[in-house]
């Protein structure tokens, strides 16, 4: 089974029950308002949010759990990794705090936990532990209108296309997440354009790791090269300092040059 979520924005009433359920099961504290989180409500303490749009439209935002996640390919230590069911999870014990995952994500999902002395990245993990135990994500379980539902990705894709086909004119003829950046495990159908979820950017259908992997494969060589350069620089400076400290023999007219 490839776990997935389908959100039908036409059924969302903006009750925020999904947000509250997520905070409860993940033991997330009350959020501290930050001006840079005001655009979508996501933060290290809010892993899902409901964005209000004109005409009483509501759209839930969370990690999209890409089929080929850019955040995973960008992480140099494997702190971000994809599970066998498709959920992209995070291991804080491996994290360097480099935030490459935040820069790589096309949806702007991972957030830095500025409230901790040793901050880490935080994001939705699709309630991976609940799914492993035969359950479902807290957000889908809590939704009173079934605006967001859980299941196998192929089955949810079929359901999405069925709803669009049986209700001509009600939905935009598109399933968001079906093919963007190689496809995602969080799918949407809607009666409005959802391009604001990617800040108006259109990333196409090619998986982003095809680009990030090339850059990340060069990181070890960059470290080695920088280490060699710094070692050489240290040797030169140390040698010059040592030569300057050596006494000049009395009566000698020889002056040390900078390279002696």
Protein backbone atom coordinates (compact mmCIF):
# COMPACT_ATOMS: atom_id res chain seq x y z
CA UNK A 1 0.00 0.00 0.00
CA UNK A 2 1.17 3.49 -0.86
CA UNK A 3 -0.48 5.65 1.79
CA UNK A 4 -2.09 8.87 0.63
CA UNK A 5 -4.56 11.61 1.50
CA UNK A 6 -7.21 13.11 -0.77
CA UNK A 7 -8.53 16.55 0.15
CA UNK A 8 -11.71 17.82 -1.50
CA UNK A 9 -11.77 21.55 -0.83
CA UNK A 10 -15.45 21.81 -1.74
CA UNK A 11 -16.26 19.85 1.42
CA UNK A 12 -14.02 21.81 3.80
CA UNK A 13 -15.85 24.10 6.23
CA UNK A 14 -12.76 25.57 7.85
CA UNK A 15 -13.46 24.08 11.28
CA UNK A 16 -9.75 23.41 12.00
CA UNK A 17 -10.49 20.03 13.60
CA UNK A 18 -7.68 18.54 11.51
CA UNK A 19 -5.27 21.16 12.87
CA UNK A 20 -6.25 20.47 16.47
CA UNK A 21 -6.04 16.69 16.01
CA UNK A 22 -2.55 16.99 14.50
CA UNK A 23 -1.33 19.11 17.39
CA UNK A 24 -2.80 16.69 19.94
CA UNK A 25 -1.33 13.43 18.63
CA UNK A 26 2.06 14.98 17.92
CA UNK A 27 2.20 16.79 21.28
CA UNK A 28 2.75 20.16 19.63
CA UNK A 29 2.73 23.16 21.95
CA UNK A 30 0.83 26.36 21.36
CA UNK A 31 2.37 28.27 18.51
CA UNK A 32 4.35 31.47 18.94
CA UNK A 33 3.24 33.87 16.18
CA UNK A 34 6.04 34.67 13.74
CA UNK A 35 5.63 37.18 10.95
CA UNK A 36 7.29 34.83 8.44
CA UNK A 37 4.70 32.10 9.18
CA UNK A 38 1.70 34.37 8.71
CA UNK A 39 1.22 33.52 5.03
CA UNK A 40 0.13 29.90 5.49
CA UNK A 41 -0.03 29.15 9.23
CA UNK A 42 2.59 26.41 9.14
CA UNK A 43 5.39 26.39 11.68
CA UNK A 44 7.48 24.03 13.78
CA UNK A 45 4.43 23.74 16.06
CA UNK A 46 1.75 23.69 13.34
CA UNK A 47 2.24 20.84 10.89
CA UNK A 48 -1.04 21.43 9.10
CA UNK A 49 -3.13 24.53 8.58
CA UNK A 50 -6.34 25.69 6.95
CA UNK A 51 -5.97 28.66 4.63
CA UNK A 52 -9.01 30.86 4.10
CA UNK A 53 -9.65 32.07 0.56
CA UNK A 54 -12.24 34.48 -0.89
CA UNK A 55 -15.91 33.38 -1.05
CA UNK A 56 -15.61 31.17 2.04
CA UNK A 57 -13.22 28.72 0.43
CA UNK A 58 -10.89 26.76 2.70
CA UNK A 59 -7.81 24.79 1.72
CA UNK A 60 -5.76 22.61 4.02
CA UNK A 61 -1.97 22.78 3.72
CA UNK A 62 0.50 20.15 4.90
CA UNK A 63 3.55 18.24 3.70
CA UNK A 64 2.79 16.74 0.30
CA UNK A 65 4.97 13.64 0.83
CA UNK A 66 6.40 13.61 -2.70
CA UNK A 67 6.92 10.27 -4.42
CA UNK A 68 10.49 11.40 -5.12
CA UNK A 69 11.06 14.00 -2.40
CA UNK A 70 13.57 16.77 -3.03
CA UNK A 71 14.07 17.24 0.71
CA UNK A 72 15.36 13.66 1.03
CA UNK A 73 17.79 14.02 -1.86
CA UNK A 74 19.05 17.35 -0.47
CA UNK A 75 19.72 16.06 3.05
CA UNK A 76 23.45 15.22 3.32
CA UNK A 77 23.07 12.95 6.37
CA UNK A 78 19.81 11.10 5.76
CA UNK A 79 17.82 12.89 8.46
CA UNK A 80 14.96 13.14 5.97
CA UNK A 81 13.99 9.78 4.54
CA UNK A 82 11.09 8.17 2.75
CA UNK A 83 9.40 5.15 4.32
CA UNK A 84 8.12 2.05 2.59
CA UNK A 85 4.52 3.37 2.66
CA UNK A 86 5.48 6.69 1.10
CA UNK A 87 5.54 8.94 4.18
CA UNK A 88 8.53 11.29 4.35
CA UNK A 89 9.74 11.36 7.96
CA UNK A 90 12.48 13.07 9.93
CA UNK A 91 15.18 11.79 12.29
CA UNK A 92 16.40 14.60 14.56
CA UNK A 93 19.30 12.47 15.85
CA UNK A 94 20.94 12.73 12.42
CA UNK A 95 20.07 16.34 11.62
CA UNK A 96 22.89 18.86 11.17
CA UNK A 97 20.56 21.84 11.13
CA UNK A 98 21.77 22.80 7.64
CA UNK A 99 18.21 23.47 6.41
CA UNK A 100 18.96 22.19 2.91
CA UNK A 101 15.60 20.40 3.04
CA UNK A 102 13.83 23.72 3.56
CA UNK A 103 15.51 25.20 0.50
CA UNK A 104 14.86 22.11 -1.63
CA UNK A 105 11.13 21.70 -0.90
CA UNK A 106 9.06 23.19 -3.76
CA UNK A 107 6.05 23.56 -1.48
CA UNK A 108 7.82 25.43 1.31
CA UNK A 109 6.84 22.90 3.98
CA UNK A 110 9.70 22.14 6.45
CA UNK A 111 10.01 24.73 9.22
CA UNK A 112 12.84 25.47 11.62
CA UNK A 113 12.12 25.26 15.35
CA UNK A 114 13.46 28.60 16.56
CA UNK A 115 12.04 28.06 20.06
CA UNK A 116 14.57 25.41 21.05
CA UNK A 117 18.13 25.89 22.26
CA UNK A 118 19.15 23.24 19.72
CA UNK A 119 16.67 23.83 16.90
CA UNK A 120 15.64 21.21 14.39
CA UNK A 121 13.37 20.97 11.37
CA UNK A 122 9.74 20.03 11.89
CA UNK A 123 6.99 18.93 9.51
CA UNK A 124 4.08 16.54 9.01
CA UNK A 125 5.11 12.87 9.01
CA UNK A 126 1.72 11.58 7.77
CA UNK A 127 1.20 10.02 11.23
CA UNK A 128 3.51 7.25 10.09
CA UNK A 129 3.43 5.50 13.46
CA UNK A 130 -0.39 5.37 13.44
CA UNK A 131 -0.46 3.93 9.92
CA UNK A 132 2.07 1.25 10.91
CA UNK A 133 -0.34 0.17 13.65
CA UNK A 134 -3.24 -0.11 11.22
CA UNK A 135 -4.72 3.35 11.86
CA UNK A 136 -4.92 6.51 9.83
CA UNK A 137 -3.60 10.06 10.16
CA UNK A 138 -5.21 12.05 12.95
CA UNK A 139 -6.26 14.81 10.55
CA UNK A 140 -8.32 12.53 8.29
CA UNK A 141 -9.85 10.73 11.26
CA UNK A 142 -10.98 14.02 12.81
CA UNK A 143 -12.51 15.65 9.71
CA UNK A 144 -16.29 15.90 10.33
CA UNK A 145 -17.23 16.38 6.66
CA UNK A 146 -14.75 13.89 5.16
CA UNK A 147 -13.19 16.73 3.21
CA UNK A 148 -9.91 14.92 3.69
CA UNK A 149 -9.75 11.13 3.52
CA UNK A 150 -7.04 8.48 3.82
CA UNK A 151 -6.34 5.42 1.70
CA UNK A 152 -4.23 3.83 -1.01
CA UNK A 153 -2.93 6.37 -3.50
CA UNK A 154 -4.15 4.55 -6.61
CA UNK A 155 -7.63 4.15 -5.11
CA UNK A 156 -7.79 7.80 -4.07
CA UNK A 157 -6.71 8.91 -7.54
CA UNK A 158 -9.53 6.85 -9.02
CA UNK A 159 -11.97 8.39 -6.53
CA UNK A 160 -10.77 11.89 -7.39
CA UNK A 161 -11.27 11.36 -11.11
CA UNK A 162 -14.68 9.78 -10.45
CA UNK A 163 -15.87 12.85 -8.53
CA UNK A 164 -14.62 15.19 -11.24
CA UNK A 165 -16.23 13.10 -14.00
CA UNK A 166 -19.58 12.79 -12.23
CA UNK A 167 -19.80 16.48 -11.35
CA UNK A 168 -19.00 18.46 -14.50
CA UNK A 169 -18.59 22.14 -13.75
CA UNK A 170 -18.17 21.63 -10.01
CA UNK A 171 -14.43 20.98 -10.01
CA UNK A 172 -11.41 22.25 -11.88
CA UNK A 173 -10.54 19.35 -14.19
CA UNK A 174 -7.33 18.51 -12.39
CA UNK A 175 -6.05 16.38 -9.53
CA UNK A 176 -3.31 18.35 -7.80
CA UNK A 177 -0.48 16.04 -6.80
CA UNK A 178 -1.14 13.43 -9.48
CA UNK A 179 1.94 14.33 -11.48
CA UNK A 180 3.51 17.56 -10.15
CA UNK A 181 7.24 17.10 -9.43
CA UNK A 182 6.80 13.40 -10.11
CA UNK A 183 3.62 13.06 -8.03
CA UNK A 184 2.76 13.41 -4.35
CA UNK A 185 0.95 11.35 -1.73
CA UNK A 186 -1.28 14.26 -0.72
CA UNK A 187 -3.82 14.88 -3.47
CA UNK A 188 -6.34 17.68 -3.99
CA UNK A 189 -9.46 18.30 -6.02
CA UNK A 190 -11.00 21.73 -5.93
CA UNK A 191 -13.34 24.24 -7.52
CA UNK A 192 -10.62 26.91 -7.40
CA UNK A 193 -7.06 27.15 -8.67
CA UNK A 194 -4.61 25.90 -6.03
CA UNK A 195 -1.44 27.34 -7.52
CA UNK A 196 -1.10 29.55 -4.42
CA UNK A 197 0.06 26.42 -2.56
CA UNK A 198 3.28 26.66 -4.58
CA UNK A 199 3.36 30.47 -4.44
CA UNK A 200 2.37 30.62 -8.10
CA UNK A 201 5.34 28.56 -9.25
CA UNK A 202 4.84 25.77 -11.79
CA UNK A 203 7.43 23.03 -11.36
CA UNK A 204 6.34 20.65 -14.08
CA UNK A 205 6.14 16.87 -13.78
CA UNK A 206 9.81 15.92 -13.54
CA UNK A 207 10.99 14.82 -10.06
CA UNK A 208 13.16 17.51 -8.49
CA UNK A 209 15.80 15.08 -7.12
CA UNK A 210 17.07 14.85 -10.69
CA UNK A 211 18.41 18.36 -10.08
CA UNK A 212 19.20 18.26 -6.36
CA UNK A 213 21.01 14.91 -6.52
CA UNK A 214 23.67 16.31 -8.86
CA UNK A 215 24.40 19.16 -6.47
CA UNK A 216 24.42 16.98 -3.35
CA UNK A 217 26.73 14.37 -4.89
CA UNK A 218 29.36 17.10 -5.17
CA UNK A 219 29.17 17.97 -1.45
CA UNK A 220 31.69 15.29 -0.26
CA UNK A 221 34.21 16.45 -2.85
CA UNK A 222 33.67 20.06 -1.80
CA UNK A 223 34.36 19.11 1.82
CA UNK A 224 37.54 17.27 0.87
CA UNK A 225 38.73 20.12 -1.32
CA UNK A 226 38.04 22.75 1.31
CA UNK A 227 39.77 20.62 3.96
CA UNK A 228 42.88 20.29 1.80
CA UNK A 229 42.94 24.02 1.09
CA UNK A 230 42.57 24.92 4.76
CA UNK A 231 45.30 22.44 5.74
CA UNK A 232 47.69 23.97 3.24
CA UNK A 233 46.87 27.50 4.39
CA UNK A 234 47.44 26.51 8.02
CA UNK A 235 50.86 24.99 7.16
CA UNK A 236 52.02 28.15 5.36
CA UNK A 237 50.90 30.52 8.13
CA UNK A 238 52.35 28.29 10.85
CA UNK A 239 55.71 28.09 9.03
CA UNK A 240 55.95 31.87 8.64
CA UNK A 241 55.14 32.46 12.30
CA UNK A 242 57.78 29.94 13.33
CA UNK A 243 60.43 31.58 11.14
CA UNK A 244 59.64 35.00 12.59
CA UNK A 245 60.14 33.68 16.10
CA UNK A 246 63.63 32.25 15.35
CA UNK A 247 66.47 34.61 16.50
CA UNK A 248 68.79 36.08 13.87
CA UNK A 249 72.52 35.33 14.48
CA UNK A 250 74.48 38.33 15.85
CA UNK A 251 76.55 40.10 13.23
CA UNK A 252 74.59 38.62 10.38
CA UNK A 253 73.53 41.08 7.69
CA UNK A 254 70.99 38.63 6.35
CA UNK A 255 67.35 39.62 6.71
CA UNK A 256 64.67 37.03 6.43
CA UNK A 257 62.33 37.41 3.60
CA UNK A 258 58.65 36.58 3.94
CA UNK A 259 59.09 33.13 2.40
CA UNK A 260 62.17 32.03 4.37
